Protein backbone atom coordinates (compact mmCIF):
# COMPACT_ATOMS: atom_id res chain seq x y z
CA UNK A 1 0.00 0.00 0.00
CA UNK A 2 1.35 3.40 -0.94
CA UNK A 3 -0.88 5.58 1.25
CA UNK A 4 -2.99 6.83 -1.66
CA UNK A 5 -6.64 6.07 -2.32
CA UNK A 6 -7.92 5.32 -5.78
CA UNK A 7 -10.50 7.81 -7.01
CA UNK A 8 -12.92 5.04 -7.95
CA UNK A 9 -12.78 3.78 -4.36
CA UNK A 10 -13.68 7.14 -2.78
CA UNK A 11 -15.71 8.86 -5.51
CA UNK A 12 -19.14 7.73 -4.26
CA UNK A 13 -18.59 9.47 -0.92
CA UNK A 14 -17.68 12.77 -2.58
CA UNK A 15 -20.57 12.57 -5.05
CA UNK A 16 -22.98 11.97 -2.18
CA UNK A 17 -21.61 14.94 -0.24
CA UNK A 18 -21.94 17.13 -3.35
CA UNK A 19 -25.62 16.27 -3.70
CA UNK A 20 -25.62 13.41 -6.19
CA UNK A 21 -24.67 12.80 -9.79
CA UNK A 22 -26.88 15.63 -11.05
CA UNK A 23 -25.10 18.15 -8.83
CA UNK A 24 -21.70 16.90 -9.99
CA UNK A 25 -22.74 17.23 -13.62
CA UNK A 26 -24.11 20.73 -13.02
CA UNK A 27 -20.80 21.69 -11.44
CA UNK A 28 -18.91 20.38 -14.45
CA UNK A 29 -21.05 22.59 -16.68
CA UNK A 30 -20.63 25.69 -14.47
CA UNK A 31 -16.87 25.50 -13.96
CA UNK A 32 -15.81 26.60 -17.48
CA UNK A 33 -18.29 29.49 -17.29
CA UNK A 34 -16.75 30.71 -14.04
CA UNK A 35 -13.25 30.42 -15.50
CA UNK A 36 -14.28 32.47 -18.52
CA UNK A 37 -15.73 35.22 -16.32
CA UNK A 38 -12.56 35.31 -14.22
CA UNK A 39 -10.29 36.10 -17.18
CA UNK A 40 -9.13 39.70 -17.40
CA UNK A 41 -10.04 41.75 -20.42
CA UNK A 42 -7.48 41.56 -23.24
CA UNK A 43 -5.13 44.50 -23.54
CA UNK A 44 -5.30 46.66 -26.63
CA UNK A 45 -2.32 48.45 -28.06
C-alpha atoms as a PDB file:
ATOM      1  CA  UNK A   1       0.000   0.000   0.000  1.00  0.00           C
ATOM      2  CA  UNK A   2       1.351   3.396  -0.942  1.00  0.00           C
ATOM      3  CA  UNK A   3      -0.880   5.578   1.246  1.00  0.00           C
ATOM      4  CA  UNK A   4      -2.994   6.832  -1.661  1.00  0.00           C
ATOM      5  CA  UNK A   5      -6.645   6.072  -2.319  1.00  0.00           C
ATOM      6  CA  UNK A   6      -7.923   5.320  -5.780  1.00  0.00           C
ATOM      7  CA  UNK A   7     -10.504   7.810  -7.013  1.00  0.00           C
ATOM      8  CA  UNK A   8     -12.923   5.040  -7.950  1.00  0.00           C
ATOM      9  CA  UNK A   9     -12.780   3.784  -4.363  1.00  0.00           C
ATOM     10  CA  UNK A  10     -13.685   7.144  -2.775  1.00  0.00           C
ATOM     11  CA  UNK A  11     -15.713   8.864  -5.515  1.00  0.00           C
ATOM     12  CA  UNK A  12     -19.136   7.734  -4.257  1.00  0.00           C
ATOM     13  CA  UNK A  13     -18.588   9.465  -0.921  1.00  0.00           C
ATOM     14  CA  UNK A  14     -17.678  12.766  -2.582  1.00  0.00           C
ATOM     15  CA  UNK A  15     -20.566  12.571  -5.046  1.00  0.00           C
ATOM     16  CA  UNK A  16     -22.985  11.967  -2.176  1.00  0.00           C
ATOM     17  CA  UNK A  17     -21.608  14.941  -0.245  1.00  0.00           C
ATOM     18  CA  UNK A  18     -21.943  17.128  -3.351  1.00  0.00           C
ATOM     19  CA  UNK A  19     -25.620  16.273  -3.698  1.00  0.00           C
ATOM     20  CA  UNK A  20     -25.625  13.413  -6.190  1.00  0.00           C
ATOM     21  CA  UNK A  21     -24.669  12.802  -9.787  1.00  0.00           C
ATOM     22  CA  UNK A  22     -26.876  15.631 -11.050  1.00  0.00           C
ATOM     23  CA  UNK A  23     -25.095  18.150  -8.827  1.00  0.00           C
ATOM     24  CA  UNK A  24     -21.700  16.905  -9.989  1.00  0.00           C
ATOM     25  CA  UNK A  25     -22.739  17.230 -13.624  1.00  0.00           C
ATOM     26  CA  UNK A  26     -24.110  20.733 -13.019  1.00  0.00           C
ATOM     27  CA  UNK A  27     -20.797  21.693 -11.436  1.00  0.00           C
ATOM     28  CA  UNK A  28     -18.912  20.384 -14.452  1.00  0.00           C
ATOM     29  CA  UNK A  29     -21.052  22.589 -16.682  1.00  0.00           C
ATOM     30  CA  UNK A  30     -20.634  25.687 -14.472  1.00  0.00           C
ATOM     31  CA  UNK A  31     -16.866  25.503 -13.963  1.00  0.00           C
ATOM     32  CA  UNK A  32     -15.814  26.598 -17.482  1.00  0.00           C
ATOM     33  CA  UNK A  33     -18.290  29.490 -17.293  1.00  0.00           C
ATOM     34  CA  UNK A  34     -16.754  30.709 -14.040  1.00  0.00           C
ATOM     35  CA  UNK A  35     -13.254  30.419 -15.496  1.00  0.00           C
ATOM     36  CA  UNK A  36     -14.277  32.469 -18.525  1.00  0.00           C
ATOM     37  CA  UNK A  37     -15.729  35.224 -16.317  1.00  0.00           C
ATOM     38  CA  UNK A  38     -12.560  35.307 -14.224  1.00  0.00           C
ATOM     39  CA  UNK A  39     -10.291  36.100 -17.183  1.00  0.00           C
ATOM     40  CA  UNK A  40      -9.126  39.695 -17.405  1.00  0.00           C
ATOM     41  CA  UNK A  41     -10.038  41.754 -20.422  1.00  0.00           C
ATOM     42  CA  UNK A  42      -7.481  41.562 -23.236  1.00  0.00           C
ATOM     43  CA  UNK A  43      -5.135  44.497 -23.540  1.00  0.00           C
ATOM     44  CA  UNK A  44      -5.296  46.662 -26.627  1.00  0.00           C
ATOM     45  CA  UNK A  45      -2.318  48.448 -28.056  1.00  0.00           C
END
